[in-house]
Amino acid sequence: MTSPQMLLAIQIANGYGAQPGAWRMPGVDPSSYTDMDQFVRYAQAAERGKIQLVFLADTPALDVDLEREAPHHAIDPLVVLTSMARGTERIGLVATSSTTLNEPFTIARQFKALDVVSHGRAGWNAVPTSHRAAAANYGMTLPARAEKYERAHEVVQVVQALWGSWERDAWVRDVAGKRFADMSKIRPIDLQGRHVASRGPLAIPPSEQGQPVVFQAGGGANGLELAARYASGVYANPFTIEEGRAHRTALRAAAERVGRDPDEVKLFAGFMPSIAPTRRAALDRRRRLDESVDLDQRVTYLGAMLGLHLAPGRLDEPLNARELAAVRPSPADPRSARALEVAREGWSLRDVLAHGVIDYHPVVPGTAADVADHMQEWFQAGACDGFSLAIDVYSDGIDAFVDQVVPLLQERGLFHRDYEEATLRGHLGAPAQYGLDPRLAGAARTSN
């Protein structure tokens, strides 16, 4: 019997990296934001490492100061993934498209088209939008949270019904008989809900995996229910093993309650590795990346996490004995314990911050073995089914992970040595599905 093996997703967003200063790093082309050849190269490197999928998050709004930072997200996720599809063969291609801002027919058409042209490698991250500026770009105001999730359920169901509106054997392509398709097998869906509706059909045949795989990244009880009903992959942001284990347990229980096998739903924990020959070199790499952020503001924030008043301007000093004795980590912030642990090692505040203690995912700055050790500990503790990797700088960081960390994971029996399947659904071990999941038909929130 083979031991369980982790799944890996790699986040590739703006062309530079997960850290704000990535666009200024040596060897980085500052024009990468619009260079599709660069994105294809990153995807090819990830595919060389047998990573299961590329993931592009998206918030359709400008949410950074472009004087100092590059945009957080790609120029358009579907354009980028289509470019990647033409330069790769096996790796999955997943992007976010908002259930709040987009109509289901548009989502269904775009993602099934990507699925067909990539030969069954597409996935849709179905999430509501909470960003007011994004809503304003669509001429909308954000509805209440409960209403957003009610709409999200309807959108997913309509999208999946549209994906199944062209039956598997409808495309006959009978040249001699002058018959392109069997119209008796291409039918409208005629779904009407409270928030969305679509007549259909969608004029796109099935891909090798049938239809795209659904992912989810929402939080709270509403997000858990959405993920449990429809998702095969879930992106999560636990900062500790205990958080990850609790989230995964809750997700699996929720999937079982709606009649699904809990093994169908895979939890990807966010993780931010910075790889270098030594820990000191990795910290220096992150210090260089931190030159683009307001470190004085981060020192103040770090102080609030630790219950201390830390004045700006002392970045190169460690916490003194009096401060360490007075520390009161914030019980509301799971990152606080890690921040205190690092501070107690005697690092300067600049280096404490370089350890990533206030980043939104766990950070490991160190050697390939350090990174592999973190991943092994979390995975074997049941905190996740795999990881969503936010690499600090794509231009050299993806290659470093693929060439240094992946072989260690493979040697330890934690990660596969080659793709066993050709589709994203196959990579995830997700069951076949075409159209709506029949197990959920009784719980549908839309009606004819």
Protein backbone atom coordinates (compact mmCIF):
# COMPACT_ATOMS: atom_id res chain seq x y z
CA MET A 1 0.00 0.00 0.00
CA THR A 2 1.45 3.36 -1.02
CA SER A 3 1.61 6.18 1.50
CA PRO A 4 -0.41 9.37 0.87
CA GLN A 5 1.32 11.96 -1.29
CA MET A 6 0.85 15.70 -1.20
CA LEU A 7 -0.60 17.84 -3.97
CA LEU A 8 1.07 21.07 -5.05
CA ALA A 9 -0.34 24.22 -6.61
CA ILE A 10 1.84 27.14 -7.56
CA GLN A 11 0.50 30.68 -7.50
CA ILE A 12 1.64 32.75 -10.48
CA ALA A 13 0.07 36.16 -10.42
CA ASN A 14 1.69 39.36 -11.63
CA GLY A 15 4.72 38.01 -13.48
CA TYR A 16 7.22 38.88 -10.73
CA GLY A 17 6.57 37.08 -7.46
CA ALA A 18 4.59 36.95 -4.24
CA GLN A 19 6.62 39.69 -2.54
CA PRO A 20 6.05 43.39 -3.37
CA GLY A 21 9.71 43.96 -4.15
CA ALA A 22 10.02 41.06 -6.60
CA TRP A 23 9.90 43.30 -9.66
CA ARG A 24 13.14 45.04 -8.56
CA MET A 25 15.23 41.93 -7.91
CA PRO A 26 18.39 41.16 -9.93
CA GLY A 27 17.66 39.12 -13.03
CA VAL A 28 13.97 40.07 -13.12
CA ASP A 29 12.67 41.65 -16.31
CA PRO A 30 10.58 44.64 -15.14
CA SER A 31 8.34 44.14 -18.19
CA SER A 32 7.28 40.64 -17.10
CA TYR A 33 3.80 41.91 -16.18
CA THR A 34 2.77 41.83 -19.85
CA ASP A 35 5.19 39.23 -21.23
CA MET A 36 3.30 36.00 -21.86
CA ASP A 37 6.55 34.21 -22.75
CA GLN A 38 7.67 34.68 -19.15
CA PHE A 39 4.44 33.23 -17.79
CA VAL A 40 4.77 30.24 -20.09
CA ARG A 41 8.35 29.69 -18.88
CA TYR A 42 7.17 29.70 -15.25
CA ALA A 43 4.45 27.16 -16.04
CA GLN A 44 6.92 24.98 -17.92
CA ALA A 45 9.28 25.03 -14.92
CA ALA A 46 6.43 24.01 -12.61
CA GLU A 47 5.47 21.24 -15.03
CA ARG A 48 9.07 20.04 -15.02
CA GLY A 49 8.65 19.60 -11.27
CA LYS A 50 5.42 17.59 -11.80
CA ILE A 51 3.44 20.20 -9.84
CA GLN A 52 -0.26 19.46 -10.25
CA LEU A 53 -1.55 22.94 -11.06
CA VAL A 54 -0.94 26.63 -11.58
CA PHE A 55 -3.33 28.97 -9.79
CA LEU A 56 -4.09 32.60 -10.65
CA ALA A 57 -6.01 34.50 -8.00
CA ASP A 58 -7.77 37.65 -9.13
CA THR A 59 -9.30 40.83 -7.77
CA PRO A 60 -10.47 43.02 -10.66
CA ALA A 61 -9.40 46.30 -9.08
CA LEU A 62 -6.24 48.35 -8.68
CA ASP A 63 -5.39 47.88 -5.02
CA VAL A 64 -1.74 48.98 -4.80
CA ASP A 65 0.22 52.20 -5.23
CA LEU A 66 1.82 51.72 -8.64
CA GLU A 67 4.47 54.32 -7.79
CA ARG A 68 6.27 51.65 -5.73
CA GLU A 69 4.62 48.29 -6.35
CA ALA A 70 3.62 46.13 -9.27
CA PRO A 71 -0.03 45.06 -9.46
CA HIS A 72 -0.95 42.04 -7.35
CA HIS A 73 -2.72 40.19 -10.16
CA ALA A 74 -2.25 39.29 -13.81
CA ILE A 75 -3.51 41.47 -16.65
CA ASP A 76 -6.27 38.87 -17.18
CA PRO A 77 -6.16 35.36 -15.71
CA LEU A 78 -7.87 33.63 -18.64
CA VAL A 79 -5.52 35.22 -21.17
CA VAL A 80 -2.50 34.16 -19.12
CA LEU A 81 -3.76 30.61 -18.62
CA THR A 82 -4.59 30.23 -22.31
CA SER A 83 -1.02 31.27 -23.11
CA MET A 84 0.27 28.73 -20.61
CA ALA A 85 -1.96 26.04 -22.09
CA ARG A 86 -0.26 26.40 -25.46
CA GLY A 87 3.19 25.90 -23.92
CA THR A 88 2.48 23.01 -21.54
CA GLU A 89 0.97 19.53 -21.71
CA ARG A 90 0.06 18.22 -18.26
CA ILE A 91 -0.11 20.87 -15.56
CA GLY A 92 -3.55 22.04 -14.41
CA LEU A 93 -4.67 25.63 -15.03
CA VAL A 94 -6.92 27.26 -12.41
CA ALA A 95 -8.14 30.85 -12.08
CA THR A 96 -10.54 32.86 -9.96
CA SER A 97 -13.71 34.31 -11.43
CA SER A 98 -16.10 36.09 -9.10
CA THR A 99 -19.59 34.69 -8.56
CA THR A 100 -20.66 38.17 -7.45
CA LEU A 101 -19.49 40.18 -10.44
CA ASN A 102 -19.91 37.76 -13.34
CA GLU A 103 -22.86 36.11 -15.01
CA PRO A 104 -22.86 32.30 -15.09
CA PHE A 105 -23.02 32.04 -18.89
CA THR A 106 -19.81 34.08 -19.21
CA ILE A 107 -18.02 31.97 -16.60
CA ALA A 108 -19.24 28.73 -18.14
CA ARG A 109 -18.18 29.72 -21.64
CA GLN A 110 -14.73 31.03 -20.71
CA PHE A 111 -13.68 28.16 -18.49
CA LYS A 112 -15.05 25.39 -20.67
CA ALA A 113 -13.30 26.92 -23.65
CA LEU A 114 -10.05 26.87 -21.65
CA ASP A 115 -10.78 23.28 -20.66
CA VAL A 116 -11.22 22.21 -24.27
CA VAL A 117 -8.15 23.98 -25.61
CA SER A 118 -6.00 22.64 -22.76
CA HIS A 119 -7.34 19.07 -23.24
CA GLY A 120 -8.97 18.83 -19.84
CA ARG A 121 -6.72 20.85 -17.53
CA ALA A 122 -8.92 23.79 -16.47
CA GLY A 123 -10.29 24.66 -13.07
CA TRP A 124 -12.48 27.50 -11.78
CA ASN A 125 -11.99 29.05 -8.35
CA ALA A 126 -15.57 30.08 -7.51
CA VAL A 127 -15.56 32.84 -4.90
CA PRO A 128 -17.78 35.79 -4.01
CA THR A 129 -16.20 39.26 -4.00
CA SER A 130 -15.66 41.32 -0.86
CA HIS A 131 -13.67 44.15 -2.45
CA ARG A 132 -15.73 47.33 -2.76
CA ALA A 133 -13.52 48.81 -5.48
CA ALA A 134 -13.94 45.67 -7.60
CA ALA A 135 -17.71 45.91 -7.25
CA ALA A 136 -17.58 49.59 -8.20
CA ASN A 137 -15.71 48.68 -11.39
CA TYR A 138 -18.79 46.69 -12.38
CA GLY A 139 -21.17 49.47 -11.37
CA MET A 140 -22.31 47.53 -8.32
CA THR A 141 -22.47 47.84 -4.57
CA LEU A 142 -21.67 44.73 -2.60
CA PRO A 143 -24.67 42.81 -1.28
CA ALA A 144 -24.79 41.39 2.24
CA ARG A 145 -22.61 38.35 2.88
CA ALA A 146 -25.53 35.91 3.08
CA GLU A 147 -26.90 37.16 -0.23
CA LYS A 148 -23.48 36.91 -1.89
CA TYR A 149 -23.23 33.26 -0.93
CA GLU A 150 -26.82 32.53 -1.93
CA ARG A 151 -25.98 33.92 -5.36
CA ALA A 152 -22.73 31.92 -5.41
CA HIS A 153 -24.63 28.64 -4.99
CA GLU A 154 -26.91 29.57 -7.86
CA VAL A 155 -24.03 30.62 -10.11
CA VAL A 156 -22.11 27.37 -9.56
CA GLN A 157 -25.20 25.29 -10.31
CA VAL A 158 -26.06 27.21 -13.47
CA VAL A 159 -22.43 27.06 -14.66
CA GLN A 160 -22.25 23.32 -14.13
CA ALA A 161 -25.60 22.78 -15.84
CA LEU A 162 -24.34 24.78 -18.83
CA TRP A 163 -21.16 22.72 -18.91
CA GLY A 164 -23.31 19.61 -19.28
CA SER A 165 -25.74 21.03 -21.83
CA TRP A 166 -23.76 19.59 -24.75
CA GLU A 167 -23.84 15.85 -24.18
CA ARG A 168 -20.66 13.81 -24.39
CA ASP A 169 -21.47 12.20 -27.74
CA ALA A 170 -23.34 15.10 -29.35
CA TRP A 171 -20.45 16.12 -31.60
CA VAL A 172 -20.73 13.52 -34.38
CA ARG A 173 -18.57 15.26 -37.05
CA ASP A 174 -20.03 13.06 -39.80
CA VAL A 175 -18.57 14.56 -42.97
CA ALA A 176 -20.08 12.03 -45.38
CA GLY A 177 -23.49 12.30 -43.75
CA LYS A 178 -23.28 16.12 -43.68
CA ARG A 179 -24.04 16.12 -39.97
CA PHE A 180 -21.90 18.23 -37.64
CA ALA A 181 -23.69 17.50 -34.35
CA ASP A 182 -26.74 15.74 -32.93
CA MET A 183 -29.04 18.57 -31.87
CA SER A 184 -31.20 16.21 -29.83
CA LYS A 185 -28.24 16.00 -27.45
CA ILE A 186 -27.63 19.75 -27.20
CA ARG A 187 -30.40 21.21 -25.10
CA PRO A 188 -31.27 24.38 -23.15
CA ILE A 189 -30.99 24.20 -19.36
CA ASP A 190 -33.70 26.82 -18.61
CA LEU A 191 -32.60 27.45 -15.01
CA GLN A 192 -34.02 30.39 -13.08
CA GLY A 193 -32.95 31.32 -9.57
CA ARG A 194 -33.48 34.31 -7.35
CA HIS A 195 -30.24 35.97 -8.50
CA VAL A 196 -29.21 34.45 -11.85
CA ALA A 197 -30.66 32.56 -14.77
CA SER A 198 -29.64 31.09 -18.08
CA ARG A 199 -31.44 29.48 -20.99
CA GLY A 200 -28.46 27.76 -22.62
CA PRO A 201 -27.22 25.61 -24.14
CA LEU A 202 -23.49 26.25 -24.16
CA ALA A 203 -22.12 25.48 -27.61
CA ILE A 204 -18.90 23.81 -26.46
CA PRO A 205 -18.31 20.04 -26.41
CA PRO A 206 -16.82 18.20 -23.43
CA SER A 207 -13.08 18.07 -22.82
CA GLU A 208 -11.03 15.01 -21.95
CA GLN A 209 -12.02 15.51 -18.30
CA GLY A 210 -15.63 16.35 -19.18
CA GLN A 211 -15.77 19.80 -17.62
CA PRO A 212 -13.57 22.08 -15.47
CA VAL A 213 -12.88 21.29 -11.83
CA VAL A 214 -14.36 23.64 -9.22
CA PHE A 215 -12.14 25.18 -6.53
CA GLN A 216 -13.10 27.42 -3.64
CA ALA A 217 -11.28 29.86 -1.36
CA GLY A 218 -13.91 31.45 0.87
CA GLY A 219 -13.83 31.51 4.64
CA GLY A 220 -16.33 31.05 7.44
CA ALA A 221 -19.40 28.85 7.54
CA ASN A 222 -20.72 30.13 4.20
CA GLY A 223 -17.47 29.39 2.41
CA LEU A 224 -17.26 25.98 4.03
CA GLU A 225 -20.73 25.05 2.77
CA LEU A 226 -19.96 26.24 -0.76
CA ALA A 227 -16.70 24.27 -0.81
CA ALA A 228 -18.29 21.16 0.67
CA ARG A 229 -20.99 21.04 -2.01
CA TYR A 230 -19.03 21.75 -5.15
CA ALA A 231 -15.25 22.01 -4.76
CA SER A 232 -12.55 19.46 -5.41
CA GLY A 233 -9.81 21.81 -4.22
CA VAL A 234 -9.93 24.42 -1.45
CA TYR A 235 -7.37 27.16 -0.85
CA ALA A 236 -6.90 27.99 2.83
CA ASN A 237 -4.74 30.32 4.92
CA PRO A 238 -3.95 28.48 8.18
CA PHE A 239 -0.93 29.86 10.00
CA THR A 240 -0.46 26.90 12.33
CA ILE A 241 -0.75 23.14 12.06
CA GLU A 242 -3.63 23.24 14.53
CA GLU A 243 -5.56 25.72 12.37
CA GLY A 244 -4.93 23.66 9.26
CA ARG A 245 -6.03 20.43 10.90
CA ALA A 246 -9.21 22.05 12.24
CA HIS A 247 -10.07 23.55 8.82
CA ARG A 248 -9.46 20.29 7.01
CA THR A 249 -11.51 18.29 9.55
CA ALA A 250 -14.42 20.74 9.27
CA LEU A 251 -14.25 20.65 5.45
CA ARG A 252 -14.27 16.88 5.30
CA ALA A 253 -17.18 16.65 7.75
CA ALA A 254 -19.17 19.21 5.75
CA ALA A 255 -18.58 17.29 2.50
CA GLU A 256 -19.76 14.08 4.14
CA ARG A 257 -22.94 15.78 5.39
CA VAL A 258 -23.99 16.63 1.82
CA GLY A 259 -23.37 13.11 0.58
CA ARG A 260 -19.87 13.42 -0.83
CA ASP A 261 -16.81 11.30 -0.08
CA PRO A 262 -14.60 13.57 2.07
CA ASP A 263 -11.52 12.34 0.19
CA GLU A 264 -12.88 14.16 -2.89
CA VAL A 265 -12.14 17.56 -1.32
CA LYS A 266 -8.46 18.53 -1.05
CA LEU A 267 -7.21 21.33 1.20
CA PHE A 268 -4.28 23.38 -0.13
CA ALA A 269 -2.52 25.37 2.61
CA GLY A 270 -0.86 28.61 1.58
CA PHE A 271 2.92 28.58 1.98
CA MET A 272 5.67 31.11 1.14
CA PRO A 273 9.15 29.59 0.78
CA SER A 274 12.32 31.63 0.20
CA ILE A 275 15.11 29.25 -0.78
CA ALA A 276 18.84 29.93 -0.49
CA PRO A 277 22.01 27.98 0.41
CA THR A 278 21.75 29.11 4.06
CA ARG A 279 19.20 30.65 6.39
CA ARG A 280 21.25 33.84 6.51
CA ALA A 281 21.28 34.06 2.71
CA ALA A 282 17.51 33.50 2.60
CA LEU A 283 16.96 36.29 5.15
CA ASP A 284 19.19 38.60 3.13
CA ARG A 285 17.12 37.78 0.04
CA ARG A 286 13.94 38.71 1.90
CA ARG A 287 15.55 41.86 3.30
CA ARG A 288 16.24 42.94 -0.27
CA LEU A 289 12.62 42.23 -1.15
CA ASP A 290 11.48 44.28 1.87
CA GLU A 291 13.14 47.42 0.50
CA SER A 292 9.89 48.17 -1.37
CA VAL A 293 7.68 48.18 1.73
CA ASP A 294 7.27 50.56 4.66
CA LEU A 295 9.27 48.74 7.32
CA ASP A 296 8.66 51.38 10.00
CA GLN A 297 4.94 50.71 9.64
CA ARG A 298 5.61 46.98 9.86
CA VAL A 299 7.63 47.45 13.06
CA THR A 300 4.66 49.24 14.61
CA TYR A 301 2.38 46.40 13.48
CA LEU A 302 4.77 43.81 14.89
CA GLY A 303 4.69 45.64 18.21
CA ALA A 304 0.89 45.49 18.28
CA MET A 305 1.04 41.72 17.66
CA LEU A 306 3.37 41.33 20.65
CA GLY A 307 1.67 43.80 22.97
CA LEU A 308 4.58 46.23 22.80
CA HIS A 309 5.06 49.81 21.67
CA LEU A 310 7.86 49.55 19.13
CA ALA A 311 9.00 52.88 17.80
CA PRO A 312 10.02 53.17 14.14
CA GLY A 313 13.71 53.71 13.50
CA ARG A 314 15.10 50.74 15.44
CA LEU A 315 15.01 48.18 12.69
CA ASP A 316 18.53 46.93 13.33
CA GLU A 317 18.04 46.31 17.06
CA PRO A 318 16.64 43.15 18.66
CA LEU A 319 14.06 43.21 21.42
CA ASN A 320 15.80 43.83 24.73
CA ALA A 321 15.39 41.76 27.88
CA ARG A 322 12.82 44.13 29.35
CA GLU A 323 10.70 43.99 26.22
CA LEU A 324 10.92 40.21 25.99
CA ALA A 325 9.73 39.95 29.58
CA ALA A 326 6.79 42.25 28.82
CA VAL A 327 5.65 40.54 25.62
CA ARG A 328 1.96 39.60 25.49
CA PRO A 329 1.24 37.90 22.14
CA SER A 330 -2.15 38.78 20.70
CA PRO A 331 -4.53 35.83 21.23
CA ALA A 332 -6.51 37.04 18.21
CA ASP A 333 -3.55 36.70 15.81
CA PRO A 334 -2.19 33.17 15.22
CA ARG A 335 1.02 34.68 13.82
CA SER A 336 1.97 36.18 17.19
CA ALA A 337 3.42 32.99 18.67
CA ARG A 338 5.73 32.55 15.69
CA ALA A 339 6.78 36.21 15.86
CA LEU A 340 7.71 35.82 19.52
CA GLU A 341 9.58 32.59 18.83
CA VAL A 342 11.75 34.33 16.21
CA ALA A 343 12.24 37.46 18.32
CA ARG A 344 13.49 35.36 21.23
CA GLU A 345 16.25 33.98 19.00
CA GLY A 346 17.86 37.41 19.15
CA TRP A 347 17.36 38.60 15.59
CA SER A 348 17.12 42.29 14.76
CA LEU A 349 13.62 43.59 14.08
CA ARG A 350 14.56 43.81 10.39
CA ASP A 351 15.42 40.11 10.42
CA VAL A 352 12.34 39.22 12.47
CA LEU A 353 10.24 40.81 9.72
CA ALA A 354 12.35 39.06 7.07
CA HIS A 355 11.26 35.76 8.63
CA GLY A 356 7.78 36.61 7.32
CA VAL A 357 6.10 36.70 10.72
CA ILE A 358 3.46 39.16 9.54
CA ASP A 359 2.92 37.68 6.07
CA TYR A 360 -0.47 36.18 5.24
CA HIS A 361 0.94 32.63 4.87
CA PRO A 362 3.61 30.78 6.85
CA VAL A 363 7.07 31.69 5.55
CA VAL A 364 10.20 29.54 5.63
CA PRO A 365 13.36 31.43 4.67
CA GLY A 366 16.10 28.83 4.49
CA THR A 367 17.57 25.90 2.65
CA ALA A 368 15.67 23.44 0.47
CA ALA A 369 15.78 20.99 3.38
CA ASP A 370 14.23 23.58 5.71
CA VAL A 371 11.38 24.08 3.25
CA ALA A 372 10.87 20.34 2.75
CA ASP A 373 10.90 19.79 6.54
CA HIS A 374 8.08 22.34 7.02
CA MET A 375 5.99 20.76 4.29
CA GLN A 376 6.55 17.25 5.63
CA GLU A 377 5.59 18.26 9.17
CA TRP A 378 2.34 19.90 8.09
CA PHE A 379 1.35 17.18 5.66
CA GLN A 380 2.04 14.28 8.00
CA ALA A 381 0.19 16.09 10.80
CA GLY A 382 -2.98 16.13 8.67
CA ALA A 383 -3.00 19.92 8.41
CA CYS A 384 -3.49 19.84 4.63
CA ASP A 385 -3.63 17.65 1.54
CA GLY A 386 -0.99 19.79 -0.12
CA PHE A 387 0.25 23.33 -0.52
CA SER A 388 -0.44 26.41 -2.59
CA LEU A 389 3.03 27.85 -3.12
CA ALA A 390 3.48 31.62 -3.18
CA ILE A 391 7.07 31.84 -4.44
CA ASP A 392 8.87 35.05 -3.46
CA VAL A 393 10.48 35.73 -6.89
CA TYR A 394 9.37 33.68 -9.87
CA SER A 395 12.40 34.18 -12.11
CA ASP A 396 14.70 32.05 -9.95
CA GLY A 397 12.46 30.91 -7.09
CA ILE A 398 10.35 28.49 -9.11
CA ASP A 399 13.44 26.78 -10.51
CA ALA A 400 14.94 26.60 -7.00
CA PHE A 401 11.82 24.90 -5.65
CA VAL A 402 11.56 22.50 -8.57
CA ASP A 403 15.25 21.58 -8.68
CA GLN A 404 16.00 21.53 -4.96
CA VAL A 405 12.84 20.96 -2.90
CA VAL A 406 10.86 18.63 -5.17
CA PRO A 407 13.64 15.97 -5.27
CA LEU A 408 13.76 15.97 -1.45
CA LEU A 409 9.99 15.49 -1.24
CA GLN A 410 10.21 12.68 -3.79
CA GLU A 411 13.06 10.95 -1.91
CA ARG A 412 10.96 11.08 1.27
CA GLY A 413 8.02 9.46 -0.52
CA LEU A 414 5.85 12.55 -0.08
CA PHE A 415 5.42 13.66 -3.70
CA HIS A 416 4.97 11.78 -6.95
CA ARG A 417 7.80 11.38 -9.45
CA ASP A 418 5.66 11.86 -12.56
CA TYR A 419 2.14 12.67 -13.65
CA GLU A 420 -0.08 9.60 -13.51
CA GLU A 421 -2.92 11.26 -15.43
CA ALA A 422 -3.33 13.77 -18.24
CA THR A 423 -6.15 15.91 -16.79
CA LEU A 424 -6.55 18.15 -13.76
CA ARG A 425 -9.38 15.96 -12.50
CA GLY A 426 -7.02 13.00 -12.74
CA HIS A 427 -4.22 14.83 -10.92
CA LEU A 428 -6.56 15.50 -7.99
CA GLY A 429 -8.19 12.08 -7.94
CA ALA A 430 -11.53 13.83 -8.37
CA PRO A 431 -14.48 11.72 -9.56
CA ALA A 432 -15.89 12.05 -13.05
CA GLN A 433 -18.58 14.69 -13.38
CA TYR A 434 -20.45 16.14 -16.32
CA GLY A 435 -23.11 18.72 -15.61
CA LEU A 436 -24.58 19.02 -12.13
CA ASP A 437 -23.51 16.55 -9.46
CA PRO A 438 -26.52 14.19 -9.24
CA ARG A 439 -25.84 13.62 -5.54
CA LEU A 440 -26.70 17.27 -4.88
CA ALA A 441 -29.78 17.47 -7.09
CA GLY A 442 -32.13 17.38 -4.12
CA ALA A 443 -30.42 20.37 -2.56
CA ALA A 444 -30.44 22.56 -5.69
CA ARG A 445 -31.19 26.23 -5.10
CA THR A 446 -32.40 26.88 -8.63
CA SER A 447 -35.45 25.56 -10.38
CA ASN A 448 -36.89 25.27 -13.84
